[in-house]
Amino acid sequence: IHDWNRKHLPAYFEVFVKAEMDTLVARDTKGL
């Protein structure tokens, strides 16, 4: 998907939001 986006989306700018697993679990609003 990232490769397709770079080739096909105009002025594509990709932001990766990282968080540690402990943080993700603490925020787990969906209970996933």
All heavy atoms as atom14 arrays in JSON, in Angstrom:
{
  "sequence": "IHDWNRKHLPAYFEVFVKAEMDTLVARDTKGL",
  "atom14_mask": [
    [1, 1, 1, 1, 1, 1, 1, 1, 0, 0, 0, 0, 0, 0],
    [1, 1, 1, 1, 1, 1, 1, 1, 1, 1, 0, 0, 0, 0],
    [1, 1, 1, 1, 1, 1, 1, 1, 0, 0, 0, 0, 0, 0],
    [1, 1, 1, 1, 1, 1, 1, 1, 1, 1, 1, 1, 1, 1],
    [1, 1, 1, 1, 1, 1, 1, 1, 0, 0, 0, 0, 0, 0],
    [1, 1, 1, 1, 1, 1, 1, 1, 1, 1, 1, 0, 0, 0],
    [1, 1, 1, 1, 1, 1, 1, 1, 1, 0, 0, 0, 0, 0],
    [1, 1, 1, 1, 1, 1, 1, 1, 1, 1, 0, 0, 0, 0],
    [1, 1, 1, 1, 1, 1, 1, 1, 0, 0, 0, 0, 0, 0],
    [1, 1, 1, 1, 1, 1, 1, 0, 0, 0, 0, 0, 0, 0],
    [1, 1, 1, 1, 1, 0, 0, 0, 0, 0, 0, 0, 0, 0],
    [1, 1, 1, 1, 1, 1, 1, 1, 1, 1, 1, 1, 0, 0],
    [1, 1, 1, 1, 1, 1, 1, 1, 1, 1, 1, 0, 0, 0],
    [1, 1, 1, 1, 1, 1, 1, 1, 1, 0, 0, 0, 0, 0],
    [1, 1, 1, 1, 1, 1, 1, 0, 0, 0, 0, 0, 0, 0],
    [1, 1, 1, 1, 1, 1, 1, 1, 1, 1, 1, 0, 0, 0],
    [1, 1, 1, 1, 1, 1, 1, 0, 0, 0, 0, 0, 0, 0],
    [1, 1, 1, 1, 1, 1, 1, 1, 1, 0, 0, 0, 0, 0],
    [1, 1, 1, 1, 1, 0, 0, 0, 0, 0, 0, 0, 0, 0],
    [1, 1, 1, 1, 1, 1, 1, 1, 1, 0, 0, 0, 0, 0],
    [1, 1, 1, 1, 1, 1, 1, 1, 0, 0, 0, 0, 0, 0],
    [1, 1, 1, 1, 1, 1, 1, 1, 0, 0, 0, 0, 0, 0],
    [1, 1, 1, 1, 1, 1, 1, 0, 0, 0, 0, 0, 0, 0],
    [1, 1, 1, 1, 1, 1, 1, 1, 0, 0, 0, 0, 0, 0],
    [1, 1, 1, 1, 1, 1, 1, 0, 0, 0, 0, 0, 0, 0],
    [1, 1, 1, 1, 1, 0, 0, 0, 0, 0, 0, 0, 0, 0],
    [1, 1, 1, 1, 1, 1, 1, 1, 1, 1, 1, 0, 0, 0],
    [1, 1, 1, 1, 1, 1, 1, 1, 0, 0, 0, 0, 0, 0],
    [1, 1, 1, 1, 1, 1, 1, 0, 0, 0, 0, 0, 0, 0],
    [1, 1, 1, 1, 1, 1, 1, 1, 1, 0, 0, 0, 0, 0],
    [1, 1, 1, 1, 0, 0, 0, 0, 0, 0, 0, 0, 0, 0],
    [1, 1, 1, 1, 1, 1, 1, 1, 0, 0, 0, 0, 0, 0]
  ],
  "atom14_positions": [
    [[0.84, -1.21, 0.0], [0.0, 0.0, 0.0], [0.87, 1.24, 0.0], [0.63, 2.19, -0.77], [-0.96, 0.01, 1.21], [-1.99, -1.1, 1.08], [-1.63, 1.37, 1.39], [-2.92, -0.95, -0.12], [0.0, 0.0, 0.0], [0.0, 0.0, 0.0], [0.0, 0.0, 0.0], [0.0, 0.0, 0.0], [0.0, 0.0, 0.0], [0.0, 0.0, 0.0]],
    [[1.89, 1.27, 0.85], [2.76, 2.45, 0.91], [3.42, 2.67, -0.46], [3.52, 3.82, -0.92], [3.82, 2.29, 2.0], [3.23, 2.0, 3.34], [3.86, 1.23, 4.28], [2.06, 2.38, 3.91], [3.12, 1.13, 5.36], [2.01, 1.84, 5.16], [0.0, 0.0, 0.0], [0.0, 0.0, 0.0], [0.0, 0.0, 0.0], [0.0, 0.0, 0.0]],
    [[3.86, 1.6, -1.12], [4.47, 1.72, -2.44], [3.46, 2.23, -3.46], [3.77, 3.11, -4.27], [5.05, 0.38, -2.9], [6.24, -0.07, -2.07], [6.83, 0.77, -1.34], [6.56, -1.28, -2.11], [0.0, 0.0, 0.0], [0.0, 0.0, 0.0], [0.0, 0.0, 0.0], [0.0, 0.0, 0.0], [0.0, 0.0, 0.0], [0.0, 0.0, 0.0]],
    [[2.24, 1.67, -3.44], [1.2, 2.1, -4.38], [0.91, 3.59, -4.17], [0.8, 4.35, -5.13], [-0.07, 1.27, -4.2], [-1.08, 1.5, -5.27], [-1.23, 0.79, -6.43], [-2.1, 2.53, -5.31], [-2.27, 1.32, -7.17], [-2.81, 2.38, -6.51], [-2.46, 3.57, -4.45], [-3.87, 3.22, -6.88], [-3.51, 4.41, -4.82], [-4.21, 4.23, -6.01]],
    [[0.78, 3.98, -2.91], [0.49, 5.38, -2.6], [1.56, 6.31, -3.16], [1.25, 7.35, -3.74], [0.37, 5.58, -1.08], [-0.88, 4.96, -0.51], [-1.78, 4.52, -1.23], [-0.95, 4.91, 0.81], [0.0, 0.0, 0.0], [0.0, 0.0, 0.0], [0.0, 0.0, 0.0], [0.0, 0.0, 0.0], [0.0, 0.0, 0.0], [0.0, 0.0, 0.0]],
    [[2.82, 5.96, -2.96], [3.92, 6.81, -3.45], [3.89, 6.95, -4.97], [4.25, 8.0, -5.49], [5.26, 6.27, -3.0], [5.5, 6.49, -1.53], [6.96, 6.5, -1.14], [7.07, 6.59, 0.31], [6.97, 7.72, 0.99], [6.78, 8.85, 0.37], [7.08, 7.72, 2.31], [0.0, 0.0, 0.0], [0.0, 0.0, 0.0], [0.0, 0.0, 0.0]],
    [[3.45, 5.92, -5.64], [3.41, 5.95, -7.11], [2.18, 6.66, -7.66], [2.22, 7.2, -8.76], [3.46, 4.53, -7.67], [4.78, 3.84, -7.48], [4.73, 2.41, -7.97], [6.02, 1.68, -7.61], [5.88, 0.23, -7.71], [0.0, 0.0, 0.0], [0.0, 0.0, 0.0], [0.0, 0.0, 0.0], [0.0, 0.0, 0.0], [0.0, 0.0, 0.0]],
    [[1.08, 6.63, -6.92], [-0.2, 7.08, -7.49], [-0.86, 8.28, -6.82], [-1.75, 8.88, -7.41], [-1.19, 5.91, -7.48], [-0.77, 4.77, -8.34], [-0.1, 3.68, -7.84], [-0.89, 4.58, -9.66], [0.15, 2.84, -8.82], [-0.3, 3.36, -9.94], [0.0, 0.0, 0.0], [0.0, 0.0, 0.0], [0.0, 0.0, 0.0], [0.0, 0.0, 0.0]],
    [[-0.48, 8.61, -5.6], [-1.15, 9.71, -4.92], [-0.36, 11.0, -5.07], [0.84, 11.02, -4.85], [-1.34, 9.38, -3.43], [-2.21, 8.16, -3.13], [-2.33, 7.93, -1.63], [-3.58, 8.28, -3.76], [0.0, 0.0, 0.0], [0.0, 0.0, 0.0], [0.0, 0.0, 0.0], [0.0, 0.0, 0.0], [0.0, 0.0, 0.0], [0.0, 0.0, 0.0]],
    [[-1.05, 12.08, -5.44], [-0.35, 13.35, -5.66], [0.22, 13.91, -4.35], [-0.45, 13.89, -3.32], [-1.44, 14.26, -6.23], [-2.74, 13.65, -5.83], [-2.49, 12.17, -5.67], [0.0, 0.0, 0.0], [0.0, 0.0, 0.0], [0.0, 0.0, 0.0], [0.0, 0.0, 0.0], [0.0, 0.0, 0.0], [0.0, 0.0, 0.0], [0.0, 0.0, 0.0]],
    [[1.45, 14.38, -4.44], [2.14, 15.01, -3.3], [1.95, 14.18, -2.03], [1.63, 14.71, -0.96], [1.66, 16.44, -3.11], [0.0, 0.0, 0.0], [0.0, 0.0, 0.0], [0.0, 0.0, 0.0], [0.0, 0.0, 0.0], [0.0, 0.0, 0.0], [0.0, 0.0, 0.0], [0.0, 0.0, 0.0], [0.0, 0.0, 0.0], [0.0, 0.0, 0.0]],
    [[2.15, 12.89, -2.14], [1.96, 11.96, -1.02], [2.95, 12.23, 0.1], [4.15, 12.36, -0.13], [2.13, 10.53, -1.54], [2.0, 9.45, -0.5], [0.78, 9.18, 0.09], [3.1, 8.69, -0.11], [0.64, 8.17, 1.04], [2.98, 7.68, 0.83], [1.75, 7.42, 1.39], [1.62, 6.42, 2.32], [0.0, 0.0, 0.0], [0.0, 0.0, 0.0]],
    [[2.43, 12.3, 1.32], [3.24, 12.54, 2.5], [2.82, 11.54, 3.57], [1.67, 11.55, 4.01], [3.05, 13.98, 3.0], [3.96, 14.36, 4.13], [5.27, 14.7, 3.89], [3.49, 14.36, 5.43], [6.12, 15.04, 4.94], [4.32, 14.7, 6.49], [5.64, 15.04, 6.24], [0.0, 0.0, 0.0], [0.0, 0.0, 0.0], [0.0, 0.0, 0.0]],
    [[3.74, 10.69, 3.97], [3.42, 9.59, 4.88], [3.94, 9.88, 6.29], [5.12, 10.16, 6.48], [4.08, 8.32, 4.34], [3.72, 7.05, 5.04], [4.35, 5.88, 4.32], [3.72, 5.36, 3.37], [5.48, 5.5, 4.68], [0.0, 0.0, 0.0], [0.0, 0.0, 0.0], [0.0, 0.0, 0.0], [0.0, 0.0, 0.0], [0.0, 0.0, 0.0]],
    [[3.02, 9.78, 7.26], [3.35, 9.99, 8.66], [3.11, 8.67, 9.4], [2.01, 8.12, 9.35], [2.46, 11.09, 9.29], [2.8, 11.27, 10.77], [2.59, 12.4, 8.52], [0.0, 0.0, 0.0], [0.0, 0.0, 0.0], [0.0, 0.0, 0.0], [0.0, 0.0, 0.0], [0.0, 0.0, 0.0], [0.0, 0.0, 0.0], [0.0, 0.0, 0.0]],
    [[4.14, 8.2, 10.08], [4.02, 6.99, 10.88], [3.96, 7.39, 12.34], [4.89, 8.0, 12.87], [5.21, 6.06, 10.62], [5.22, 4.81, 11.45], [4.05, 4.08, 11.68], [6.39, 4.34, 12.0], [4.05, 2.92, 12.44], [6.42, 3.18, 12.76], [5.25, 2.47, 12.98], [0.0, 0.0, 0.0], [0.0, 0.0, 0.0], [0.0, 0.0, 0.0]],
    [[2.85, 7.08, 12.99], [2.67, 7.39, 14.4], [3.01, 6.13, 15.2], [2.32, 5.12, 15.1], [1.22, 7.85, 14.71], [1.08, 8.21, 16.18], [0.83, 9.03, 13.83], [0.0, 0.0, 0.0], [0.0, 0.0, 0.0], [0.0, 0.0, 0.0], [0.0, 0.0, 0.0], [0.0, 0.0, 0.0], [0.0, 0.0, 0.0], [0.0, 0.0, 0.0]],
    [[4.1, 6.23, 15.95], [4.58, 5.1, 16.74], [4.17, 5.26, 18.2], [4.18, 6.37, 18.72], [6.11, 5.02, 16.69], [6.68, 4.54, 15.41], [8.19, 4.57, 15.42], [8.76, 3.58, 16.39], [10.23, 3.47, 16.31], [0.0, 0.0, 0.0], [0.0, 0.0, 0.0], [0.0, 0.0, 0.0], [0.0, 0.0, 0.0], [0.0, 0.0, 0.0]],
    [[3.86, 4.13, 18.81], [3.61, 4.1, 20.24], [3.99, 2.71, 20.75], [3.82, 1.72, 20.05], [2.14, 4.4, 20.55], [0.0, 0.0, 0.0], [0.0, 0.0, 0.0], [0.0, 0.0, 0.0], [0.0, 0.0, 0.0], [0.0, 0.0, 0.0], [0.0, 0.0, 0.0], [0.0, 0.0, 0.0], [0.0, 0.0, 0.0], [0.0, 0.0, 0.0]],
    [[4.51, 2.68, 21.95], [4.89, 1.4, 22.57], [3.63, 0.58, 22.86], [2.55, 1.13, 23.1], [5.66, 1.65, 23.87], [6.95, 2.44, 23.69], [7.97, 1.7, 22.83], [8.04, 0.46, 22.92], [8.69, 2.38, 22.07], [0.0, 0.0, 0.0], [0.0, 0.0, 0.0], [0.0, 0.0, 0.0], [0.0, 0.0, 0.0], [0.0, 0.0, 0.0]],
    [[3.78, -0.73, 22.87], [2.64, -1.62, 23.12], [1.97, -1.32, 24.46], [0.74, -1.34, 24.56], [3.06, -3.09, 23.03], [1.89, -4.06, 23.11], [0.54, -3.77, 21.92], [1.26, -4.4, 20.42], [0.0, 0.0, 0.0], [0.0, 0.0, 0.0], [0.0, 0.0, 0.0], [0.0, 0.0, 0.0], [0.0, 0.0, 0.0], [0.0, 0.0, 0.0]],
    [[2.74, -1.01, 25.49], [2.14, -0.66, 26.78], [1.22, 0.54, 26.66], [0.14, 0.58, 27.27], [3.23, -0.38, 27.83], [4.01, -1.63, 28.23], [3.54, -2.74, 27.93], [5.08, -1.48, 28.83], [0.0, 0.0, 0.0], [0.0, 0.0, 0.0], [0.0, 0.0, 0.0], [0.0, 0.0, 0.0], [0.0, 0.0, 0.0], [0.0, 0.0, 0.0]],
    [[1.63, 1.52, 25.87], [0.81, 2.71, 25.64], [-0.45, 2.35, 24.88], [-1.55, 2.8, 25.21], [1.61, 3.77, 24.86], [2.78, 4.12, 25.6], [0.78, 5.02, 24.62], [0.0, 0.0, 0.0], [0.0, 0.0, 0.0], [0.0, 0.0, 0.0], [0.0, 0.0, 0.0], [0.0, 0.0, 0.0], [0.0, 0.0, 0.0], [0.0, 0.0, 0.0]],
    [[-0.3, 1.53, 23.85], [-1.46, 1.12, 23.03], [-2.48, 0.38, 23.88], [-3.69, 0.63, 23.78], [-1.0, 0.24, 21.87], [-0.03, 0.88, 20.87], [0.44, -0.14, 19.85], [-0.67, 2.08, 20.19], [0.0, 0.0, 0.0], [0.0, 0.0, 0.0], [0.0, 0.0, 0.0], [0.0, 0.0, 0.0], [0.0, 0.0, 0.0], [0.0, 0.0, 0.0]],
    [[-2.0, -0.53, 24.71], [-2.9, -1.3, 25.57], [-3.59, -0.37, 26.58], [-4.79, -0.5, 26.83], [-2.14, -2.44, 26.28], [-2.99, -3.09, 27.35], [-1.67, -3.48, 25.25], [0.0, 0.0, 0.0], [0.0, 0.0, 0.0], [0.0, 0.0, 0.0], [0.0, 0.0, 0.0], [0.0, 0.0, 0.0], [0.0, 0.0, 0.0], [0.0, 0.0, 0.0]],
    [[-2.86, 0.59, 27.12], [-3.45, 1.52, 28.07], [-4.53, 2.39, 27.43], [-5.52, 2.74, 28.07], [-2.36, 2.41, 28.68], [0.0, 0.0, 0.0], [0.0, 0.0, 0.0], [0.0, 0.0, 0.0], [0.0, 0.0, 0.0], [0.0, 0.0, 0.0], [0.0, 0.0, 0.0], [0.0, 0.0, 0.0], [0.0, 0.0, 0.0], [0.0, 0.0, 0.0]],
    [[-4.36, 2.71, 26.14], [-5.33, 3.55, 25.42], [-6.45, 2.73, 24.81], [-7.36, 3.29, 24.21], [-4.63, 4.28, 24.27], [-3.68, 5.33, 24.67], [-3.1, 5.96, 23.43], [-2.09, 6.93, 23.76], [-1.12, 7.29, 22.95], [-1.03, 6.76, 21.75], [-0.23, 8.17, 23.34], [0.0, 0.0, 0.0], [0.0, 0.0, 0.0], [0.0, 0.0, 0.0]],
    [[-6.43, 1.47, 24.88], [-7.27, 0.51, 24.16], [-8.77, 0.82, 24.25], [-9.52, 0.06, 24.85], [-6.96, -0.88, 24.69], [-7.46, -2.01, 23.83], [-7.88, -1.76, 22.68], [-7.44, -3.15, 24.31], [0.0, 0.0, 0.0], [0.0, 0.0, 0.0], [0.0, 0.0, 0.0], [0.0, 0.0, 0.0], [0.0, 0.0, 0.0], [0.0, 0.0, 0.0]],
    [[-9.21, 1.9, 23.66], [-10.62, 2.33, 23.75], [-11.58, 1.34, 23.09], [-12.73, 1.26, 23.49], [-10.81, 3.71, 23.1], [-10.41, 3.64, 21.74], [-10.02, 4.78, 23.83], [0.0, 0.0, 0.0], [0.0, 0.0, 0.0], [0.0, 0.0, 0.0], [0.0, 0.0, 0.0], [0.0, 0.0, 0.0], [0.0, 0.0, 0.0], [0.0, 0.0, 0.0]],
    [[-11.1, 0.59, 22.11], [-11.96, -0.38, 21.42], [-11.91, -1.75, 22.09], [-12.66, -2.65, 21.72], [-11.52, -0.53, 19.96], [-11.64, 0.75, 19.16], [-11.1, 0.54, 17.76], [-11.03, 1.85, 17.0], [-10.39, 1.66, 15.7], [0.0, 0.0, 0.0], [0.0, 0.0, 0.0], [0.0, 0.0, 0.0], [0.0, 0.0, 0.0], [0.0, 0.0, 0.0]],
    [[-10.98, -1.94, 23.02], [-10.85, -3.23, 23.69], [-10.19, -4.3, 22.83], [-10.24, -5.48, 23.16], [0.0, 0.0, 0.0], [0.0, 0.0, 0.0], [0.0, 0.0, 0.0], [0.0, 0.0, 0.0], [0.0, 0.0, 0.0], [0.0, 0.0, 0.0], [0.0, 0.0, 0.0], [0.0, 0.0, 0.0], [0.0, 0.0, 0.0], [0.0, 0.0, 0.0]],
    [[-9.57, -3.9, 21.74], [-8.98, -4.87, 20.81], [-7.83, -5.67, 21.39], [-7.78, -6.89, 21.24], [-8.49, -4.15, 19.55], [-9.55, -3.52, 18.67], [-8.9, -2.72, 17.54], [-10.45, -4.6, 18.11], [0.0, 0.0, 0.0], [0.0, 0.0, 0.0], [0.0, 0.0, 0.0], [0.0, 0.0, 0.0], [0.0, 0.0, 0.0], [0.0, 0.0, 0.0]]
  ]
}
